[in-house]
N, C-alpha and C. Protein backbone atom coordinates (compact mmCIF):
# COMPACT_ATOMS: atom_id res chain seq x y z
N UNK A 1 247.58 -55.30 -6.20
CA UNK A 1 248.06 -55.33 -5.12
C UNK A 1 246.77 -54.45 -4.52
N UNK A 2 246.22 -55.25 -3.21
CA UNK A 2 245.07 -54.49 -2.50
C UNK A 2 245.54 -53.18 -1.60
N UNK A 3 244.70 -52.38 -1.55
CA UNK A 3 244.95 -51.13 -0.86
C UNK A 3 245.03 -51.25 0.79
N UNK A 4 245.97 -50.64 1.13
CA UNK A 4 245.76 -50.68 2.85
C UNK A 4 244.40 -50.16 3.22
N UNK A 5 244.10 -50.55 4.32
CA UNK A 5 242.86 -49.64 5.05
C UNK A 5 242.95 -48.54 4.83
N UNK A 6 241.81 -47.58 4.61
CA UNK A 6 242.03 -46.15 4.74
C UNK A 6 243.01 -45.39 3.74
N UNK A 7 243.50 -46.39 2.88
CA UNK A 7 244.57 -45.75 2.09
C UNK A 7 244.04 -44.43 1.17
N UNK A 8 242.89 -44.66 0.62
CA UNK A 8 242.42 -43.71 -0.13
C UNK A 8 241.96 -42.34 0.69
N UNK A 9 241.27 -42.61 1.94
CA UNK A 9 241.01 -41.62 2.68
C UNK A 9 242.26 -40.82 3.42
N UNK A 10 243.06 -41.67 3.61
CA UNK A 10 244.31 -40.89 4.20
C UNK A 10 244.90 -39.81 3.22
N UNK A 11 244.82 -39.83 1.81
CA UNK A 11 245.48 -39.12 1.01
C UNK A 11 247.35 -39.19 1.00
N UNK A 12 247.71 -40.31 1.60
CA UNK A 12 248.94 -40.32 1.86
C UNK A 12 249.57 -40.61 0.39
N UNK A 13 250.81 -40.23 0.18
CA UNK A 13 251.64 -40.28 -0.79
C UNK A 13 251.96 -41.79 -1.09
N UNK A 14 252.45 -42.39 -2.29
CA UNK A 14 252.73 -43.47 -2.07
C UNK A 14 253.95 -44.14 -1.55
N UNK A 15 254.87 -43.08 -1.28
CA UNK A 15 256.18 -42.96 -0.59
C UNK A 15 255.70 -43.22 0.84
N UNK A 16 254.64 -42.58 1.30
CA UNK A 16 254.25 -42.60 2.82
C UNK A 16 253.64 -44.13 2.96
N UNK A 17 253.02 -44.55 1.96
CA UNK A 17 252.42 -46.03 2.04
C UNK A 17 253.54 -46.95 2.31
N UNK A 18 254.62 -46.63 1.27
CA UNK A 18 255.55 -47.70 1.19
C UNK A 18 256.22 -47.59 2.58
N UNK A 19 256.49 -46.48 3.27
CA UNK A 19 257.22 -46.28 4.44
C UNK A 19 256.35 -47.04 5.67
N UNK A 20 255.07 -46.79 5.55
CA UNK A 20 254.23 -47.31 6.48
C UNK A 20 254.13 -48.88 6.46
N UNK A 21 254.53 -49.54 5.29
CA UNK A 21 254.57 -50.94 5.13
C UNK A 21 255.85 -51.67 5.55
N UNK A 22 257.01 -50.65 5.45
CA UNK A 22 258.12 -50.96 5.71
C UNK A 22 258.26 -51.02 7.08
N UNK A 23 257.75 -49.93 8.17
CA UNK A 23 257.79 -49.94 9.42
C UNK A 23 256.76 -51.16 9.99
N UNK A 24 255.83 -51.33 9.64
CA UNK A 24 255.07 -52.37 9.96
C UNK A 24 255.56 -53.74 9.82
N UNK A 25 256.47 -53.96 8.63
CA UNK A 25 257.14 -55.12 8.68
C UNK A 25 258.17 -55.45 9.73
N UNK A 26 258.94 -54.27 9.87
CA UNK A 26 260.02 -54.21 11.06
C UNK A 26 259.49 -54.55 12.45
N UNK A 27 258.26 -53.86 12.62
CA UNK A 27 257.46 -54.06 13.78
C UNK A 27 256.71 -55.39 14.22
N UNK A 28 256.65 -56.08 12.81
CA UNK A 28 256.10 -57.45 12.95
C UNK A 28 254.22 -57.44 12.96
N UNK A 29 254.04 -56.19 12.58
CA UNK A 29 252.32 -55.86 12.50
C UNK A 29 251.79 -55.80 11.11
N UNK A 30 250.53 -56.04 11.20
CA UNK A 30 249.96 -55.77 9.89
C UNK A 30 249.94 -54.11 9.59
N UNK A 31 250.44 -53.84 8.27
CA UNK A 31 250.18 -52.52 8.00
C UNK A 31 248.85 -51.61 8.22
N UNK A 32 247.93 -52.78 7.66
CA UNK A 32 246.46 -52.13 7.94
C UNK A 32 246.07 -51.85 9.40
N UNK A 33 246.74 -52.52 10.48
CA UNK A 33 246.42 -51.87 11.72
C UNK A 33 247.02 -50.46 11.97
N UNK A 34 248.28 -50.06 11.52
CA UNK A 34 248.66 -48.90 11.70
C UNK A 34 247.77 -47.76 11.09
N UNK A 35 247.13 -47.99 9.95
CA UNK A 35 246.30 -47.37 9.24
C UNK A 35 245.09 -47.13 10.08
N UNK A 36 244.39 -48.22 10.57
CA UNK A 36 243.26 -48.10 11.57
C UNK A 36 243.44 -47.19 12.75
N UNK A 37 244.58 -47.28 13.23
CA UNK A 37 244.97 -46.70 14.46
C UNK A 37 245.19 -45.18 13.90
N UNK A 38 245.71 -44.80 13.04
CA UNK A 38 246.20 -43.42 12.47
C UNK A 38 244.82 -42.79 12.48
N UNK A 39 243.71 -43.64 11.60
CA UNK A 39 242.46 -42.92 11.52
C UNK A 39 241.81 -42.47 12.85
N UNK A 40 241.77 -43.54 13.89
CA UNK A 40 241.35 -43.56 14.99
C UNK A 40 241.85 -42.47 15.93
N UNK A 41 243.03 -42.27 16.08
CA UNK A 41 243.89 -41.23 16.94
C UNK A 41 244.06 -40.14 16.19
N UNK A 42 243.88 -39.77 14.82
CA UNK A 42 243.82 -38.49 14.16
C UNK A 42 242.54 -37.85 13.86
N UNK A 43 241.55 -38.70 14.69
CA UNK A 43 240.08 -38.02 14.45
C UNK A 43 239.54 -37.96 12.99
N UNK A 44 240.17 -39.08 12.04
CA UNK A 44 239.93 -39.22 10.74
C UNK A 44 240.26 -38.44 9.73
N UNK A 45 241.37 -37.73 10.27
CA UNK A 45 242.16 -36.58 9.64
C UNK A 45 243.31 -37.19 8.88
N UNK A 46 243.91 -37.92 9.42
CA UNK A 46 245.45 -38.41 8.89
C UNK A 46 246.36 -37.39 9.01
N UNK A 47 246.43 -36.15 9.85
CA UNK A 47 247.16 -35.20 9.87
C UNK A 47 248.22 -35.44 11.00
N UNK A 48 249.52 -35.15 10.51
CA UNK A 48 250.51 -35.05 11.59
C UNK A 48 250.24 -33.97 12.73
N UNK A 49 249.58 -33.08 12.16
CA UNK A 49 249.36 -31.75 13.11
C UNK A 49 248.05 -31.61 13.95
N UNK A 50 247.31 -32.73 13.93
CA UNK A 50 245.71 -32.64 14.57
C UNK A 50 246.22 -32.88 16.06
N UNK A 51 245.50 -32.10 16.79
CA UNK A 51 245.85 -31.91 18.23
C UNK A 51 244.40 -32.45 19.08
N UNK A 52 244.46 -32.96 20.05
CA UNK A 52 243.19 -33.35 20.88
C UNK A 52 243.09 -32.13 21.86
N UNK A 53 242.17 -31.38 21.77
CA UNK A 53 241.69 -30.23 22.41
C UNK A 53 241.78 -30.67 23.91
N UNK A 54 241.45 -31.86 24.34
CA UNK A 54 241.39 -31.96 25.85
C UNK A 54 242.68 -32.28 26.50
N UNK A 55 243.65 -33.04 25.86
CA UNK A 55 244.81 -33.46 26.33
C UNK A 55 246.16 -32.95 25.97
N UNK A 56 245.97 -32.23 24.65
CA UNK A 56 246.99 -31.77 23.88
C UNK A 56 247.84 -32.52 23.01
N UNK A 57 247.69 -33.64 23.19
CA UNK A 57 248.26 -35.01 22.28
C UNK A 57 248.10 -34.31 20.78
N UNK A 58 249.31 -34.94 20.14
CA UNK A 58 249.16 -34.48 18.92
C UNK A 58 249.87 -35.56 17.82
N UNK A 59 249.26 -35.58 16.68
CA UNK A 59 249.74 -36.30 15.71
C UNK A 59 249.14 -37.69 15.24
N UNK A 60 249.58 -38.40 14.32
CA UNK A 60 249.23 -39.58 13.70
C UNK A 60 249.03 -40.62 14.92
N UNK A 61 249.47 -40.65 16.03
CA UNK A 61 249.23 -41.70 17.18
C UNK A 61 248.85 -40.63 18.39
N UNK A 62 248.63 -39.47 18.21
CA UNK A 62 248.53 -38.64 19.58
C UNK A 62 249.49 -38.79 20.61
N UNK A 63 250.76 -38.35 20.21
CA UNK A 63 251.94 -38.37 20.87
C UNK A 63 251.64 -37.38 22.11
N UNK A 64 252.13 -37.57 23.33
CA UNK A 64 251.83 -36.94 24.35
C UNK A 64 253.36 -36.38 24.99
N UNK A 65 253.46 -35.58 25.87
CA UNK A 65 254.57 -34.99 26.52
C UNK A 65 255.31 -36.28 27.33
N UNK A 66 254.66 -37.07 27.89
CA UNK A 66 255.09 -38.18 28.50
C UNK A 66 255.69 -39.04 27.66
N UNK A 67 255.16 -39.43 26.13
CA UNK A 67 255.31 -40.36 25.50
C UNK A 67 256.92 -40.11 24.82
N UNK A 68 257.08 -38.57 24.69
CA UNK A 68 258.21 -38.30 23.88
C UNK A 68 259.30 -37.60 24.94
N UNK A 69 259.37 -38.03 26.08
CA UNK A 69 260.12 -37.49 27.08
C UNK A 69 261.35 -37.98 26.73
N UNK A 70 262.46 -37.30 26.54
CA UNK A 70 263.88 -37.66 26.37
C UNK A 70 264.07 -37.73 24.79
N UNK A 71 263.22 -37.40 24.26
CA UNK A 71 263.57 -37.40 22.54
C UNK A 71 264.10 -36.41 22.09
N UNK A 72 264.39 -35.14 22.66
CA UNK A 72 264.87 -34.21 21.91
C UNK A 72 263.78 -33.46 20.81
N UNK A 73 262.57 -33.82 21.18
CA UNK A 73 261.63 -33.02 20.27
C UNK A 73 260.43 -32.75 21.00
N UNK A 74 259.71 -31.80 20.67
CA UNK A 74 258.48 -31.33 21.20
C UNK A 74 257.30 -31.66 20.56
N UNK A 75 256.21 -31.45 21.14
CA UNK A 75 254.57 -31.72 20.63
C UNK A 75 254.57 -30.54 19.46
N UNK A 76 255.03 -29.44 19.61
CA UNK A 76 254.86 -28.42 18.32
C UNK A 76 255.59 -28.55 17.15
N UNK A 77 256.74 -29.46 17.46
CA UNK A 77 257.54 -29.69 16.36
C UNK A 77 257.23 -30.96 15.74
N UNK A 78 256.66 -32.03 16.40
CA UNK A 78 255.77 -33.06 15.88
C UNK A 78 254.56 -32.79 15.02
N UNK A 79 254.03 -31.53 15.48
CA UNK A 79 252.70 -31.11 14.83
C UNK A 79 253.42 -30.54 13.45
N UNK A 80 254.57 -30.01 13.49
CA UNK A 80 254.80 -29.23 12.20
C UNK A 80 255.69 -30.43 11.17
N UNK A 81 255.53 -31.46 11.57
CA UNK A 81 256.06 -32.38 10.60
C UNK A 81 255.48 -32.71 9.34
N UNK A 82 255.93 -33.25 8.59
CA UNK A 82 255.31 -34.04 7.41
C UNK A 82 254.93 -35.49 7.98
N UNK A 83 253.96 -36.04 7.14
CA UNK A 83 253.75 -37.60 7.57
C UNK A 83 255.11 -38.33 7.60
N UNK A 84 255.75 -38.22 6.47
CA UNK A 84 256.99 -39.06 6.29
C UNK A 84 257.80 -38.89 7.65
N UNK A 85 257.99 -37.44 8.09
CA UNK A 85 258.85 -37.29 9.22
C UNK A 85 258.48 -37.81 10.37
N UNK A 86 256.95 -37.78 10.46
CA UNK A 86 256.53 -38.17 11.95
C UNK A 86 256.37 -39.82 11.82
N UNK A 87 256.46 -40.43 10.69
CA UNK A 87 256.36 -41.66 10.85
C UNK A 87 257.65 -42.35 11.46
N UNK A 88 258.71 -41.85 11.40
CA UNK A 88 260.03 -41.97 12.00
C UNK A 88 259.59 -42.13 13.69
N UNK A 89 259.12 -41.19 14.18
CA UNK A 89 258.76 -41.06 15.59
C UNK A 89 257.53 -42.02 15.83
N UNK A 90 256.54 -42.33 15.00
CA UNK A 90 255.66 -43.61 15.33
C UNK A 90 256.47 -44.77 15.44
N UNK A 91 257.25 -45.09 14.57
CA UNK A 91 258.21 -46.11 14.82
C UNK A 91 258.91 -46.49 16.00
N UNK A 92 259.64 -44.98 16.16
CA UNK A 92 260.52 -45.30 17.42
C UNK A 92 259.52 -45.58 18.75
N UNK A 93 258.31 -45.00 18.74
CA UNK A 93 257.44 -45.02 19.82
C UNK A 93 256.84 -46.44 20.12
N UNK A 94 256.79 -47.04 18.91
CA UNK A 94 256.21 -48.70 18.75
C UNK A 94 257.27 -49.59 19.23
N UNK A 95 258.57 -49.44 18.54
CA UNK A 95 259.64 -50.23 18.71
C UNK A 95 259.60 -50.90 20.10
N UNK A 96 259.73 -50.46 21.17
CA UNK A 96 259.83 -51.16 22.41
C UNK A 96 258.64 -52.13 22.55
N UNK A 97 257.51 -52.01 21.76
CA UNK A 97 256.46 -53.11 22.06
C UNK A 97 256.47 -54.16 20.93
N UNK A 98 257.56 -54.15 20.09
CA UNK A 98 257.40 -55.23 18.99
C UNK A 98 257.36 -56.63 19.72
N UNK A 99 256.67 -57.52 19.27
CA UNK A 99 256.32 -58.91 19.54
C UNK A 99 255.06 -58.81 20.58
N UNK A 100 254.81 -57.86 21.19
CA UNK A 100 253.65 -57.74 22.03
C UNK A 100 252.34 -57.27 21.06
N UNK A 101 252.69 -56.56 20.08
CA UNK A 101 251.49 -56.09 19.42
C UNK A 101 250.76 -57.31 18.30
N UNK A 102 250.37 -58.27 18.87
CA UNK A 102 250.20 -59.25 18.19
C UNK A 102 248.80 -59.30 17.45
N UNK A 103 247.84 -58.14 17.58
CA UNK A 103 246.61 -57.97 16.89
C UNK A 103 246.54 -56.58 17.07
N UNK A 104 245.44 -55.91 16.24
CA UNK A 104 245.00 -54.57 16.15
C UNK A 104 244.98 -54.10 17.61
N UNK A 105 244.39 -54.60 18.24
CA UNK A 105 243.91 -54.25 19.86
C UNK A 105 245.10 -53.91 20.67
N UNK A 106 246.18 -55.07 20.73
CA UNK A 106 247.31 -54.58 21.56
C UNK A 106 248.25 -53.67 20.63
N UNK A 107 248.32 -53.54 19.57
CA UNK A 107 248.98 -52.20 18.74
C UNK A 107 248.26 -51.15 19.21
N UNK A 108 247.01 -50.89 19.20
CA UNK A 108 246.13 -49.90 19.86
C UNK A 108 246.45 -49.51 21.31
N UNK A 109 246.57 -50.57 21.86
CA UNK A 109 246.92 -50.28 23.50
C UNK A 109 248.42 -49.88 23.60
N UNK A 110 249.33 -50.25 22.64
CA UNK A 110 250.88 -49.93 22.88
C UNK A 110 250.52 -48.00 22.80
N UNK A 111 249.89 -47.97 21.62
CA UNK A 111 249.59 -46.22 21.55
C UNK A 111 249.09 -45.83 22.77
N UNK A 112 247.96 -46.24 23.08
CA UNK A 112 247.02 -45.54 24.14
C UNK A 112 247.50 -45.68 25.58
N UNK A 113 247.73 -47.12 26.26
CA UNK A 113 248.14 -46.96 27.39
C UNK A 113 248.80 -48.54 27.30
N UNK A 114 250.17 -48.40 27.27
CA UNK A 114 251.02 -49.52 26.94
C UNK A 114 250.95 -50.70 28.24
N UNK A 115 250.82 -50.32 29.35
CA UNK A 115 250.54 -50.88 30.55
C UNK A 115 249.66 -51.94 30.53
N UNK A 116 248.61 -51.76 29.63
CA UNK A 116 247.48 -52.95 29.44
C UNK A 116 247.62 -53.72 28.30
N UNK A 117 248.63 -53.74 27.82
CA UNK A 117 248.94 -54.67 26.30
C UNK A 117 248.85 -56.12 26.95
N UNK A 118 247.98 -56.96 26.36
CA UNK A 118 247.80 -58.14 26.49
C UNK A 118 246.75 -58.61 28.09
N UNK A 119 246.21 -57.68 28.52
CA UNK A 119 245.54 -57.71 29.79
C UNK A 119 244.12 -58.22 29.24
N UNK A 120 242.89 -58.62 30.14
CA UNK A 120 241.74 -59.09 29.78
C UNK A 120 240.63 -58.03 29.82
N UNK A 121 239.79 -58.32 28.90
CA UNK A 121 238.91 -57.33 28.63
C UNK A 121 238.28 -56.54 29.69
N UNK A 122 238.25 -57.45 31.00
CA UNK A 122 237.51 -56.51 32.11
C UNK A 122 238.48 -55.74 32.82
N UNK A 123 239.96 -55.77 32.49
CA UNK A 123 240.88 -54.80 33.05
C UNK A 123 240.36 -53.26 32.97
N UNK A 124 240.45 -52.60 34.24
CA UNK A 124 240.05 -51.19 34.00
C UNK A 124 241.09 -50.28 33.59
N UNK A 125 241.12 -49.53 32.94
CA UNK A 125 242.17 -48.82 32.41
C UNK A 125 242.30 -47.17 32.95
N UNK A 126 241.16 -46.29 32.92
CA UNK A 126 240.89 -45.43 33.40
C UNK A 126 239.53 -45.35 34.02
N UNK A 127 239.65 -44.38 35.27
CA UNK A 127 238.17 -44.36 36.01
C UNK A 127 238.14 -42.64 35.94
N UNK A 128 236.81 -42.38 36.17
CA UNK A 128 236.36 -40.91 36.50
C UNK A 128 236.44 -40.95 38.11
N UNK A 129 236.80 -39.82 38.36
CA UNK A 129 237.29 -38.53 37.86
C UNK A 129 238.76 -38.78 37.71
N UNK A 130 239.17 -38.29 36.67
CA UNK A 130 240.43 -38.14 36.16
C UNK A 130 240.79 -37.67 34.92
N UNK A 131 241.94 -36.90 34.58
CA UNK A 131 242.07 -36.31 33.43
C UNK A 131 242.20 -37.25 32.38
N UNK A 132 242.79 -38.30 32.63
CA UNK A 132 243.13 -39.47 31.60
C UNK A 132 241.30 -39.90 31.23
N UNK A 133 240.73 -40.07 32.22
CA UNK A 133 239.25 -40.50 31.61
C UNK A 133 238.69 -39.51 31.08
N UNK A 134 238.66 -38.32 31.48
CA UNK A 134 238.13 -37.18 30.70
C UNK A 134 238.39 -37.02 29.21
N UNK A 135 239.63 -36.93 29.21
CA UNK A 135 240.47 -37.01 27.92
C UNK A 135 239.77 -38.12 26.94
N UNK A 136 239.33 -39.13 27.42
CA UNK A 136 239.20 -40.20 26.49
C UNK A 136 237.61 -41.04 27.06
N UNK A 137 236.88 -39.96 27.46
CA UNK A 137 235.36 -40.51 27.80
C UNK A 137 234.72 -41.14 26.79
N UNK A 138 234.92 -40.74 25.64
CA UNK A 138 234.36 -41.47 24.30
C UNK A 138 234.48 -42.92 24.22
N UNK A 139 235.60 -43.51 25.09
CA UNK A 139 235.66 -44.84 25.10
C UNK A 139 235.16 -45.43 26.03
N UNK A 140 234.39 -44.82 27.19
CA UNK A 140 233.61 -45.62 27.86
C UNK A 140 231.95 -45.67 27.41
N UNK A 141 232.19 -46.87 26.81
CA UNK A 141 231.05 -47.20 25.66
C UNK A 141 229.72 -47.42 26.74
N UNK A 142 229.72 -47.82 27.99
CA UNK A 142 228.67 -47.88 28.82
C UNK A 142 228.40 -46.88 29.78
N UNK A 143 229.13 -46.03 29.75
CA UNK A 143 229.14 -44.81 30.54
C UNK A 143 228.98 -44.99 32.03
N UNK A 144 229.74 -45.91 32.44
CA UNK A 144 229.67 -46.05 33.91
C UNK A 144 230.99 -45.44 34.61
N UNK A 145 231.67 -44.56 33.94
CA UNK A 145 232.77 -44.17 34.59
C UNK A 145 233.95 -44.77 34.78
N UNK A 146 233.89 -45.85 33.92
CA UNK A 146 235.31 -46.79 33.91
C UNK A 146 235.45 -47.24 32.37
N UNK A 147 236.74 -47.00 31.87
CA UNK A 147 237.02 -47.44 30.72
C UNK A 147 237.85 -48.67 30.84
N UNK A 148 237.39 -49.73 30.36
CA UNK A 148 238.05 -51.11 30.29
C UNK A 148 238.97 -51.53 29.09
N UNK A 149 239.79 -52.47 28.98
CA UNK A 149 240.22 -52.91 27.79
C UNK A 149 239.13 -53.40 26.68
N UNK A 150 238.03 -53.74 27.07
CA UNK A 150 237.09 -54.41 26.43
C UNK A 150 236.54 -53.33 25.76
N UNK A 151 236.02 -52.12 26.34
CA UNK A 151 235.58 -51.06 25.96
C UNK A 151 236.43 -50.68 24.70
N UNK A 152 237.53 -50.57 24.97
CA UNK A 152 238.50 -50.03 23.94
C UNK A 152 238.81 -50.79 22.62
N UNK A 153 238.49 -52.06 22.98
CA UNK A 153 238.56 -52.97 21.79
C UNK A 153 237.32 -52.78 21.26
N UNK A 154 236.10 -52.58 21.83
CA UNK A 154 235.07 -52.62 21.28
C UNK A 154 234.69 -51.17 20.15
N UNK A 155 235.50 -50.05 20.89
CA UNK A 155 235.32 -49.14 19.88
C UNK A 155 236.41 -49.19 18.73
N UNK A 156 237.32 -49.53 18.88
CA UNK A 156 238.44 -49.63 17.67
C UNK A 156 237.93 -50.67 16.74
N UNK A 157 237.08 -51.75 17.19
CA UNK A 157 236.63 -52.66 16.21
C UNK A 157 235.60 -51.93 15.23
N UNK A 158 235.06 -50.92 15.60
CA UNK A 158 234.16 -50.04 14.62
C UNK A 158 234.80 -49.41 13.57
N UNK A 159 236.23 -49.42 13.59
CA UNK A 159 237.16 -48.62 12.88
C UNK A 159 237.68 -49.43 11.55
N UNK A 160 237.43 -50.93 11.91
CA UNK A 160 238.09 -52.06 11.07
C UNK A 160 236.94 -52.03 9.82
N UNK A 161 237.56 -51.56 8.58
CA UNK A 161 236.63 -51.50 7.55
C UNK A 161 236.39 -53.14 6.98
N UNK A 162 235.52 -53.22 6.19
CA UNK A 162 234.92 -54.76 5.96
C UNK A 162 235.98 -55.00 4.94
N UNK A 163 236.36 -56.41 5.12
CA UNK A 163 237.30 -57.07 4.51
C UNK A 163 238.65 -57.12 5.25
N UNK A 164 238.62 -56.46 6.15
CA UNK A 164 240.14 -56.18 6.84
C UNK A 164 240.03 -56.82 8.31
N UNK A 165 241.21 -57.49 8.82
CA UNK A 165 241.16 -58.22 10.23
C UNK A 165 241.87 -57.73 11.29
N UNK A 166 241.23 -57.86 12.53
CA UNK A 166 242.10 -57.35 13.59
C UNK A 166 242.89 -58.22 13.98
N UNK A 167 243.11 -59.19 13.32
CA UNK A 167 244.14 -60.31 13.71
C UNK A 167 243.84 -61.32 14.87
N UNK A 168 242.61 -61.24 15.43
CA UNK A 168 242.26 -61.80 16.27
C UNK A 168 241.19 -63.08 15.65
N UNK A 169 241.78 -64.23 15.98
CA UNK A 169 240.94 -65.26 15.13
C UNK A 169 239.70 -65.70 16.17
N UNK A 170 238.75 -65.54 15.52
CA UNK A 170 237.38 -66.15 16.04
C UNK A 170 237.37 -67.63 16.62
N UNK A 171 236.90 -68.21 17.31
CA UNK A 171 236.60 -69.76 17.58
C UNK A 171 236.54 -70.56 16.63
N UNK A 172 235.62 -70.00 15.68
CA UNK A 172 235.32 -70.78 14.54
C UNK A 172 236.47 -71.05 13.57
N UNK A 173 237.24 -69.85 13.54
CA UNK A 173 238.70 -69.88 12.84
C UNK A 173 239.47 -70.87 13.33
N UNK A 174 239.42 -70.96 14.55
CA UNK A 174 240.71 -71.67 15.38
C UNK A 174 240.47 -73.17 15.22
N UNK A 175 239.11 -73.67 15.71
CA UNK A 175 238.93 -74.87 15.72
C UNK A 175 237.36 -75.28 15.23
N UNK A 176 237.19 -75.71 14.00
CA UNK A 176 235.81 -76.19 13.44
C UNK A 176 235.40 -77.20 14.05
N UNK A 177 234.01 -77.57 14.60
CA UNK A 177 233.74 -78.61 15.25
C UNK A 177 233.67 -79.60 14.29
N UNK A 178 234.04 -80.84 14.64
CA UNK A 178 233.95 -82.12 14.04
C UNK A 178 232.72 -82.57 13.43
N UNK A 179 232.70 -82.72 12.36
CA UNK A 179 231.20 -83.29 11.86
C UNK A 179 230.99 -84.50 12.40
N UNK A 180 229.62 -84.63 12.70
CA UNK A 180 229.05 -85.83 13.15
C UNK A 180 229.39 -86.95 12.59
N UNK A 181 229.36 -87.00 11.57
CA UNK A 181 229.87 -88.43 10.79
C UNK A 181 231.30 -88.75 11.08
N UNK A 182 232.09 -87.95 11.28
CA UNK A 182 233.53 -88.33 11.74
C UNK A 182 233.73 -88.53 13.03
N UNK A 183 233.11 -88.10 13.69
CA UNK A 183 233.00 -88.53 15.49
C UNK A 183 232.46 -89.94 15.44
N UNK A 184 231.25 -90.27 14.50
CA UNK A 184 230.77 -91.80 14.63
C UNK A 184 231.69 -92.46 14.35
N UNK A 185 232.51 -92.50 13.11
CA UNK A 185 233.50 -93.23 12.63
C UNK A 185 234.56 -93.49 13.45
N UNK A 186 235.10 -92.58 14.32
CA UNK A 186 235.85 -92.70 15.22
C UNK A 186 235.82 -93.42 16.18
N UNK A 187 234.59 -93.45 16.81
CA UNK A 187 233.79 -94.12 17.85
C UNK A 187 233.84 -95.57 17.40
N UNK A 188 233.26 -95.78 16.22
CA UNK A 188 233.31 -97.14 15.70
C UNK A 188 234.63 -97.69 15.69
N UNK A 189 235.37 -97.14 15.01
CA UNK A 189 236.91 -97.87 15.09
C UNK A 189 237.42 -98.00 16.31
N UNK A 190 237.31 -97.19 17.58
CA UNK A 190 237.91 -97.50 18.78
C UNK A 190 237.09 -98.53 19.37
N UNK A 191 235.59 -98.81 19.08
CA UNK A 191 234.85 -99.95 19.49
C UNK A 191 235.50 -101.03 19.10
N UNK A 192 235.64 -101.25 17.68
CA UNK A 192 236.00 -102.40 17.17
C UNK A 192 237.60 -102.95 17.70
N UNK A 193 238.50 -101.84 17.73
CA UNK A 193 239.64 -102.12 18.27
C UNK A 193 239.60 -102.58 19.66
N UNK A 194 239.01 -102.14 20.55
CA UNK A 194 238.62 -102.75 22.08
C UNK A 194 237.94 -103.77 22.06
N UNK A 195 237.10 -104.04 21.13
CA UNK A 195 236.48 -105.37 21.01
C UNK A 195 237.29 -106.64 20.74
N UNK A 196 238.27 -106.53 19.61
CA UNK A 196 239.07 -107.22 19.53
C UNK A 196 240.30 -107.61 20.27
N UNK A 197 240.39 -106.99 21.39
CA UNK A 197 241.46 -107.35 22.33
C UNK A 197 240.58 -107.82 23.44
């Protein structure tokens, strides 16, 4: 069976990997997408204790105080959890977005800025000056002081390992152009059918 994206680098136990696959199945997402998001959000550490020095966010998906409001858990408690324990909170956080996380990018937007799930690439997410922009300045790929959905996708794309998919079909995957010979045959058939009448 193929390994998940970053399975080796994560050093997750087989029980962790099984749990990630089970969560992904319940959420209706590719487990590889979860692994890609964990890698990005945890700054390549895959540690539940990792903190963002700017925002104070913590863990595998960088939980914030706003995200966990009403959960009866603190960021410090989340940081002290095992991967297995924190995965329960990952699922709890993502569950409301089930059905909307149709690809890696929308899964990431559910984590990063859920209000922008499904929005066009040109949609502005954060702008300077703001704390949200400053904490995520690395997502402003053209350094214009604005983070857009398209720029977020561009950055996340860099974390997709070779051989793995974002879940977005390219135009060529969706509709291959018809070969010229087939088009000519169809036109000839139509011509003779119309000529008979």
